[in-house]
Protein backbone atom coordinates (compact mmCIF):
# COMPACT_ATOMS: atom_id res chain seq x y z
CA UNK A 1 -145.76 38.61 -3.90
CA UNK A 2 -148.11 40.19 -6.08
CA UNK A 3 -147.63 44.05 -6.15
CA UNK A 4 -150.53 45.26 -7.98
CA UNK A 5 -153.47 43.77 -8.48
CA UNK A 6 -156.64 44.68 -10.67
CA UNK A 7 -159.90 42.51 -10.56
CA UNK A 8 -162.81 43.24 -13.06
CA UNK A 9 -161.60 46.58 -13.61
CA UNK A 10 -163.66 48.58 -16.24
CA UNK A 11 -163.66 52.68 -16.63
CA UNK A 12 -166.46 54.34 -19.02
CA UNK A 13 -166.28 57.79 -20.73
CA UNK A 14 -169.54 59.80 -21.91
CA UNK A 15 -168.65 61.87 -25.12
CA UNK A 16 -170.73 64.25 -27.64
CA UNK A 17 -169.98 62.48 -30.58
CA UNK A 18 -169.43 58.91 -29.57
CA UNK A 19 -171.74 58.48 -26.44
CA UNK A 20 -170.87 56.13 -23.96
CA UNK A 21 -167.55 54.66 -24.52
CA UNK A 22 -165.47 51.77 -22.58
CA UNK A 23 -162.13 53.00 -22.45
CA UNK A 24 -161.27 49.95 -20.26
CA UNK A 25 -162.97 46.99 -20.34
CA UNK A 26 -163.12 43.97 -17.34
CA UNK A 27 -159.73 44.19 -16.85
CA UNK A 28 -157.59 41.75 -14.63
CA UNK A 29 -154.23 41.68 -13.61
CA UNK A 30 -151.97 40.89 -11.31
CA UNK A 31 -148.23 42.16 -11.46
CA UNK A 32 -145.24 40.92 -9.19
CA UNK A 33 -143.24 42.91 -6.91
CA UNK A 34 -140.41 44.10 -8.13
CA UNK A 35 -141.47 43.64 -11.95
CA UNK A 36 -141.30 45.93 -14.59
CA UNK A 37 -144.43 45.23 -16.38
CA UNK A 38 -145.25 47.57 -20.00
CA UNK A 39 -148.54 48.11 -21.25
CA UNK A 40 -148.62 49.01 -24.59
CA UNK A 41 -150.65 49.72 -27.64
CA UNK A 42 -152.05 52.44 -29.97
CA UNK A 43 -153.50 55.44 -28.58
CA UNK A 44 -157.03 55.18 -27.14
CA UNK A 45 -156.71 51.12 -26.41
CA UNK A 46 -157.07 52.12 -22.62
CA UNK A 47 -153.20 51.49 -21.13
CA UNK A 48 -152.97 55.30 -19.38
CA UNK A 49 -156.42 55.24 -18.27
CA UNK A 50 -155.06 52.09 -16.77
CA UNK A 51 -152.00 53.55 -15.15
CA UNK A 52 -154.28 56.85 -14.50
CA UNK A 53 -156.72 55.00 -12.22
CA UNK A 54 -153.67 52.83 -11.09
CA UNK A 55 -152.13 56.00 -9.61
CA UNK A 56 -156.18 57.31 -8.28
CA UNK A 57 -156.29 60.12 -10.97
CA UNK A 58 -159.03 58.19 -12.44
CA UNK A 59 -161.91 56.71 -10.19
CA UNK A 60 -163.55 53.05 -11.16
CA UNK A 61 -166.24 52.72 -13.23
CA UNK A 62 -166.48 48.66 -11.94
CA UNK A 63 -164.29 46.62 -10.28
CA UNK A 64 -161.42 46.67 -7.24
CA UNK A 65 -157.76 47.66 -7.24
CA UNK A 66 -154.95 46.50 -4.71
CA UNK A 67 -151.81 47.47 -3.88
CA UNK A 68 -149.42 45.74 -2.07
CA UNK A 69 -152.62 43.96 -0.91
CA UNK A 70 -154.35 46.73 0.93
CA UNK A 71 -157.54 48.15 -1.70
CA UNK A 72 -157.22 51.43 -3.07
CA UNK A 73 -160.32 51.16 -5.28
CA UNK A 74 -163.08 49.26 -4.78
CA UNK A 75 -166.43 50.50 -6.79
CA UNK A 76 -169.15 48.48 -4.96
CA UNK A 77 -167.89 50.13 -1.55
CA UNK A 78 -167.16 53.35 -2.80
CA UNK A 79 -163.68 52.89 -1.48
CA UNK A 80 -161.66 55.65 -2.94
CA UNK A 81 -157.30 56.23 -1.52
CA UNK A 82 -156.52 59.52 -3.08
CA UNK A 83 -153.02 59.37 -5.10
CA UNK A 84 -151.14 61.25 -2.38
CA UNK A 85 -151.88 58.14 0.02
CA UNK A 86 -150.99 55.43 -2.15
CA UNK A 87 -147.13 54.85 -2.03
CA UNK A 88 -146.58 55.74 -5.74
CA UNK A 89 -144.19 58.13 -8.20
CA UNK A 90 -144.88 58.78 -11.37
CA UNK A 91 -143.27 60.54 -13.94
CA UNK A 92 -145.28 61.50 -17.18
CA UNK A 93 -144.83 62.26 -20.91
CA UNK A 94 -144.47 65.92 -20.18
CA UNK A 95 -141.43 66.31 -17.72
CA UNK A 96 -144.08 67.91 -15.40
CA UNK A 97 -140.84 70.56 -13.36
CA UNK A 98 -141.88 73.70 -12.23
CA UNK A 99 -140.29 76.57 -14.15
CA UNK A 100 -140.07 79.02 -11.66
CA UNK A 101 -138.31 76.38 -8.64
CA UNK A 102 -134.85 75.43 -9.00
CA UNK A 103 -134.11 71.69 -9.35
CA UNK A 104 -133.85 71.61 -5.33
CA UNK A 105 -137.04 72.80 -4.96
CA UNK A 106 -138.63 70.97 -7.33
CA UNK A 107 -137.30 67.38 -5.79
CA UNK A 108 -137.50 68.68 -2.74
CA UNK A 109 -141.42 69.85 -2.95
CA UNK A 110 -143.14 65.95 -2.33
CA UNK A 111 -141.36 66.33 1.00
CA UNK A 112 -142.28 69.66 1.77
CA UNK A 113 -145.82 68.59 1.62
CA UNK A 114 -145.25 65.84 4.06
CA UNK A 115 -143.79 68.40 6.71
CA UNK A 116 -140.69 66.40 6.52
CA UNK A 117 -137.54 68.40 8.54
CA UNK A 118 -135.69 70.52 6.68
CA UNK A 119 -132.17 68.00 7.48
CA UNK A 120 -134.04 65.86 6.09
CA UNK A 121 -134.94 66.80 3.13
CA UNK A 122 -131.45 68.33 2.10
CA UNK A 123 -130.13 64.80 3.08
CA UNK A 124 -132.61 63.48 0.69
CA UNK A 125 -132.63 65.47 -2.54
CA UNK A 126 -129.06 65.50 -2.59
CA UNK A 127 -129.27 61.79 -2.66
CA UNK A 128 -132.02 61.70 -5.36
CA UNK A 129 -129.83 64.41 -7.43
CA UNK A 130 -126.84 62.07 -7.05
CA UNK A 131 -128.98 59.23 -8.34
CA UNK A 132 -130.29 60.91 -11.36
CA UNK A 133 -126.73 62.12 -12.31
CA UNK A 134 -127.84 66.02 -11.31
CA UNK A 135 -125.48 66.28 -8.22
CA UNK A 136 -124.51 69.99 -8.02
CA UNK A 137 -127.29 71.44 -10.06
CA UNK A 138 -129.43 72.19 -7.11
CA UNK A 139 -129.66 75.78 -8.01
CA UNK A 140 -130.13 75.43 -11.58
CA UNK A 141 -133.42 76.21 -12.91
CA UNK A 142 -135.51 73.96 -15.85
CA UNK A 143 -135.19 76.27 -18.38
CA UNK A 144 -131.40 75.99 -18.30
CA UNK A 145 -131.52 72.40 -18.60
CA UNK A 146 -131.67 69.85 -21.87
CA UNK A 147 -134.96 67.50 -22.42
CA UNK A 148 -132.90 64.94 -20.83
CA UNK A 149 -131.97 66.29 -17.56
CA UNK A 150 -135.63 67.90 -17.28
CA UNK A 151 -136.77 64.51 -16.97
CA UNK A 152 -134.54 63.66 -14.39
CA UNK A 153 -135.79 66.29 -12.27
CA UNK A 154 -138.91 64.36 -12.95
CA UNK A 155 -137.37 60.83 -11.99
CA UNK A 156 -135.52 62.26 -9.10
CA UNK A 157 -138.58 63.80 -7.59
CA UNK A 158 -140.68 60.79 -8.20
CA UNK A 159 -137.78 58.79 -6.29
CA UNK A 160 -137.26 61.09 -3.26
CA UNK A 161 -140.25 59.68 -1.29
CA UNK A 162 -138.75 55.75 -1.52
CA UNK A 163 -142.28 54.23 -3.78
CA UNK A 164 -142.93 50.64 -3.60
CA UNK A 165 -144.25 51.42 -7.39
CA UNK A 166 -143.05 53.36 -9.75
CA UNK A 167 -145.80 54.54 -12.86
CA UNK A 168 -144.27 55.58 -15.91
CA UNK A 169 -147.01 57.33 -18.36
CA UNK A 170 -144.65 57.54 -21.87
CA UNK A 171 -141.90 59.23 -19.99
CA UNK A 172 -139.30 59.41 -23.05
CA UNK A 173 -141.21 60.44 -26.01
CA UNK A 174 -140.25 63.81 -26.21
CA UNK A 175 -136.58 63.28 -25.97
CA UNK A 176 -133.87 62.30 -28.49
CA UNK A 177 -133.08 58.92 -29.47
CA UNK A 178 -130.10 58.68 -27.72
CA UNK A 179 -131.12 60.23 -24.79
CA UNK A 180 -133.94 57.78 -24.88
CA UNK A 181 -131.28 54.96 -25.00
CA UNK A 182 -129.96 56.45 -22.02
CA UNK A 183 -132.78 56.73 -19.69
CA UNK A 184 -133.66 53.18 -20.71
CA UNK A 185 -130.74 52.10 -18.58
CA UNK A 186 -131.14 54.82 -16.00
CA UNK A 187 -134.73 53.56 -14.89
CA UNK A 188 -133.18 49.98 -15.00
CA UNK A 189 -130.23 51.13 -13.03
CA UNK A 190 -132.84 52.76 -10.18
CA UNK A 191 -134.91 49.92 -10.62
CA UNK A 192 -132.13 47.89 -9.36
CA UNK A 193 -130.74 49.95 -6.44
CA UNK A 194 -134.24 50.51 -5.17
CA UNK A 195 -136.40 47.75 -5.99
CA UNK A 196 -139.02 49.29 -6.99
CA UNK A 197 -141.88 47.70 -9.51
CA UNK A 198 -142.35 49.87 -12.39
CA UNK A 199 -145.70 49.49 -14.16
CA UNK A 200 -144.56 51.30 -17.83
CA UNK A 201 -147.09 52.94 -20.16
CA UNK A 202 -146.07 53.26 -24.02
CA UNK A 203 -146.40 52.75 -27.99
CA UNK A 204 -142.87 52.60 -28.59
CA UNK A 205 -142.65 48.43 -28.62
CA UNK A 206 -138.91 48.43 -28.79
CA UNK A 207 -138.52 50.58 -25.68
CA UNK A 208 -140.81 48.31 -23.85
CA UNK A 209 -138.87 45.61 -24.87
CA UNK A 210 -135.49 47.03 -23.74
CA UNK A 211 -136.63 46.64 -20.21
CA UNK A 212 -139.65 44.70 -19.72
CA UNK A 213 -139.83 41.15 -17.73
CA UNK A 214 -143.47 41.08 -19.21
CA UNK A 215 -145.26 42.98 -21.30
CA UNK A 216 -149.46 43.48 -21.98
CA UNK A 217 -150.72 44.82 -25.45
CA UNK A 218 -153.79 45.95 -24.56
CA UNK A 219 -156.25 46.95 -27.89
CA UNK A 220 -159.50 48.72 -27.79
CA UNK A 221 -160.02 48.60 -23.68
CA UNK A 222 -159.33 45.25 -24.01
CA UNK A 223 -156.24 42.69 -22.88
CA UNK A 224 -155.06 40.79 -25.95
CA UNK A 225 -151.71 38.73 -24.88
CA UNK A 226 -149.37 39.43 -21.69
CA UNK A 227 -147.04 37.54 -21.95
CA UNK A 228 -142.48 37.95 -22.20
CA UNK A 229 -140.98 40.29 -25.02
CA UNK A 230 -139.13 37.06 -26.62
CA UNK A 231 -143.42 35.60 -26.08
CA UNK A 232 -144.78 38.34 -27.52
CA UNK A 233 -142.37 38.45 -30.54
CA UNK A 234 -142.27 35.45 -31.38
CA UNK A 235 -145.45 34.23 -30.57
CA UNK A 236 -148.03 36.89 -31.42
CA UNK A 237 -151.84 35.54 -30.47
CA UNK A 238 -153.10 37.18 -33.29
CA UNK A 239 -152.71 39.45 -36.42
CA UNK A 240 -152.88 42.62 -34.55
CA UNK A 241 -150.16 41.45 -31.50
CA UNK A 242 -147.89 40.32 -34.73
CA UNK A 243 -148.64 43.94 -36.33
CA UNK A 244 -148.47 45.98 -33.43
CA UNK A 245 -145.06 44.26 -32.05
CA UNK A 246 -142.34 45.29 -35.24
CA UNK A 247 -142.48 45.39 -39.11
CA UNK A 248 -144.32 42.76 -40.53
CA UNK A 249 -145.98 41.71 -44.03
CA UNK A 250 -148.99 40.66 -44.08
CA UNK A 251 -150.09 38.68 -47.83
CA UNK A 252 -153.15 37.23 -48.87
CA UNK A 253 -153.22 33.77 -50.60
CA UNK A 254 -154.98 31.24 -52.06
CA UNK A 255 -154.45 27.68 -51.15
CA UNK A 256 -155.03 24.73 -53.84
CA UNK A 257 -153.64 21.77 -54.49
CA UNK A 258 -151.33 21.38 -51.28
CA UNK A 259 -149.92 24.93 -52.90
CA UNK A 260 -150.17 28.49 -51.82
CA UNK A 261 -150.23 31.14 -54.50
CA UNK A 262 -150.55 34.94 -53.77
CA UNK A 263 -153.83 36.50 -54.62
CA UNK A 264 -154.61 37.08 -58.08
CA UNK A 265 -151.38 35.12 -59.04
CA UNK A 266 -151.68 31.44 -60.15
CA UNK A 267 -148.69 31.69 -62.64
CA UNK A 268 -146.20 30.41 -59.77
CA UNK A 269 -146.48 29.16 -55.63
CA UNK A 270 -144.91 30.59 -52.76
CA UNK A 271 -142.12 28.88 -51.13
CA UNK A 272 -143.25 28.18 -47.36
CA UNK A 273 -145.09 25.72 -45.71
CA UNK A 274 -148.55 25.04 -45.49
CA UNK A 275 -151.02 26.31 -43.18
CA UNK A 276 -152.66 23.03 -41.56
CA UNK A 277 -156.16 25.24 -40.44
CA UNK A 278 -157.44 23.48 -44.07
CA UNK A 279 -158.84 27.39 -45.12
CA UNK A 280 -158.99 27.83 -48.98
CA UNK A 281 -158.18 31.81 -47.92
CA UNK A 282 -155.78 33.11 -45.73
CA UNK A 283 -153.43 35.56 -44.59
CA UNK A 284 -149.45 34.64 -44.58
CA UNK A 285 -147.49 36.51 -41.88
CA UNK A 286 -143.96 37.40 -41.65
CA UNK A 287 -140.92 39.50 -40.76
CA UNK A 288 -138.85 41.26 -43.80
CA UNK A 289 -135.81 39.95 -41.52
CA UNK A 290 -136.89 36.42 -42.01
CA UNK A 291 -137.21 36.48 -45.71
CA UNK A 292 -135.06 34.89 -48.05
CA UNK A 293 -134.14 37.02 -50.73
CA UNK A 294 -131.78 35.22 -53.45
CA UNK A 295 -130.77 35.04 -57.12
CA UNK A 296 -131.61 31.49 -58.12
CA UNK A 297 -134.77 29.89 -56.42
CA UNK A 298 -138.08 30.38 -54.36
CA UNK A 299 -140.67 32.95 -56.07
CA UNK A 300 -139.76 35.32 -58.86
CA UNK A 301 -139.90 38.61 -59.12
CA UNK A 302 -137.83 41.77 -59.05
CA UNK A 303 -136.24 44.50 -56.87
CA UNK A 304 -138.92 47.68 -56.83
CA UNK A 305 -136.99 49.63 -54.35
CA UNK A 306 -133.99 49.60 -52.52
CA UNK A 307 -133.76 51.63 -48.94
CA UNK A 308 -130.16 51.82 -47.49
CA UNK A 309 -130.97 51.42 -43.51
CA UNK A 310 -127.38 51.29 -41.78
CA UNK A 311 -126.73 47.99 -40.82
CA UNK A 312 -129.34 46.27 -42.65
CA UNK A 313 -130.93 47.08 -46.39
CA UNK A 314 -134.34 46.94 -47.23
CA UNK A 315 -136.38 45.84 -50.50
CA UNK A 316 -139.53 46.48 -51.48
CA UNK A 317 -140.84 43.77 -54.03
CA UNK A 318 -144.00 42.23 -55.38
CA UNK A 319 -145.56 39.21 -54.70
CA UNK A 320 -148.80 39.19 -57.40
CA UNK A 321 -149.92 42.15 -56.59
CA UNK A 322 -149.04 42.77 -53.19
CA UNK A 323 -145.73 44.49 -51.95
CA UNK A 324 -143.59 42.92 -49.33
CA UNK A 325 -140.70 44.82 -47.46
CA UNK A 326 -137.46 42.32 -47.09
CA UNK A 327 -134.40 43.18 -44.92
CA UNK A 328 -131.24 41.65 -45.66
CA UNK A 329 -127.14 42.68 -44.27
CA UNK A 330 -124.99 44.45 -46.77
CA UNK A 331 -122.97 41.44 -48.16
CA UNK A 332 -126.00 39.94 -50.44
CA UNK A 333 -126.89 43.43 -52.23
CA UNK A 334 -129.35 43.65 -55.24
CA UNK A 335 -129.89 46.59 -57.33
CA UNK A 336 -133.52 47.97 -58.34
CA UNK A 337 -135.50 46.85 -61.17
CA UNK A 338 -133.24 43.43 -60.62
CA UNK A 339 -134.83 39.98 -61.26
CA UNK A 340 -134.43 38.20 -58.04
CA UNK A 341 -136.60 35.01 -55.69
CA UNK A 342 -138.22 35.06 -52.56
CA UNK A 343 -138.62 32.55 -50.02
CA UNK A 344 -140.53 32.27 -46.77
CA UNK A 345 -139.02 29.66 -44.06
CA UNK A 346 -140.86 31.34 -41.00
CA UNK A 347 -144.37 31.79 -41.63
CA UNK A 348 -147.15 32.42 -39.37
CA UNK A 349 -150.93 32.39 -40.54
CA UNK A 350 -154.04 34.36 -39.87
CA UNK A 351 -157.73 33.84 -40.83
CA UNK A 352 -158.74 35.89 -44.04
CA UNK A 353 -161.62 37.17 -42.12
CA UNK A 354 -159.79 38.42 -38.81
CA UNK A 355 -161.41 42.07 -38.63
CA UNK A 356 -158.56 44.75 -37.37
CA UNK A 357 -161.49 46.82 -36.34
CA UNK A 358 -159.08 50.28 -38.27
CA UNK A 359 -162.40 52.33 -37.95
CA UNK A 360 -163.14 51.70 -34.73
CA UNK A 361 -160.05 51.82 -33.63
CA UNK A 362 -159.53 55.86 -35.34
CA UNK A 363 -162.76 56.69 -33.83
CA UNK A 364 -161.21 55.99 -30.13
CA UNK A 365 -158.03 57.89 -30.56
CA UNK A 366 -160.27 61.29 -30.37
CA UNK A 367 -161.45 59.94 -27.20
């Protein structure tokens, strides 16, 4: 069953510097019940605006939104259901806890608004604190707690109303790496227990891949690709998705006489498969951990820089006049300045004319 459906949803803003900007453009999307669905993309891509329209914090410029088959925003009919009547839980990037209230009152607040009786409030607050590992801390104040504990307050407050959908807007971005990892598992554990649907907005691809059933990559207000984390990483639809999901090398090449040469260097061909589109110029896309570095055969070059990164070593090498990154395990080590050979056993090809529209993306980030 579809828990959330967006039909031709658009949102436009008017700014002094850029005029009218389409933040979300004709978005059509279905999210299944019980699914963990992540929306990711760079700043200004429209992901948070999309989440805010689902939550009811932003009205639509056009289109329709349905929750469990019930219309909550239909622009043509001027239908708009306010956030508090949509039955959603939400956790923000900022911890959004009230510093003058103790933990109990912070978590109890949504129930007090609904005029729930005191006995029921006490029971449900204690349960929410238990499920978020805050047992016995009801009398403490947010200022007494760590960042991770404060985010747990927000999470407890979000689950106390038994929402069918949980909206998470970059909830871990203010936490340290170890706490972030812990909170990911907390979220998934709570989802399994309470069986709610998650919409998770983030710009962190590794975070999204860790918890998602499906992910949607957005760019400049448009859906670029929706798929499982594995398929998005291994089969990116274009150069933008490839670059956004994990480290990437993009090497401009020339194809002549069934051989691939790096731009401005025809002294030796690259060791890789040929593209099948027949173009003379192209971009060879690779992941740093798929490139083979060896001592005997391939494209001859040298180690420009060696960087120790705990579980692997990253090397910077030149291919023609271009720099690429190569990641290898520790047992195959090279020194800076040492001659090496590079092979590309796994590549993807993109058009050399593909426009990444970086200038337009930079403008959208200031909206």
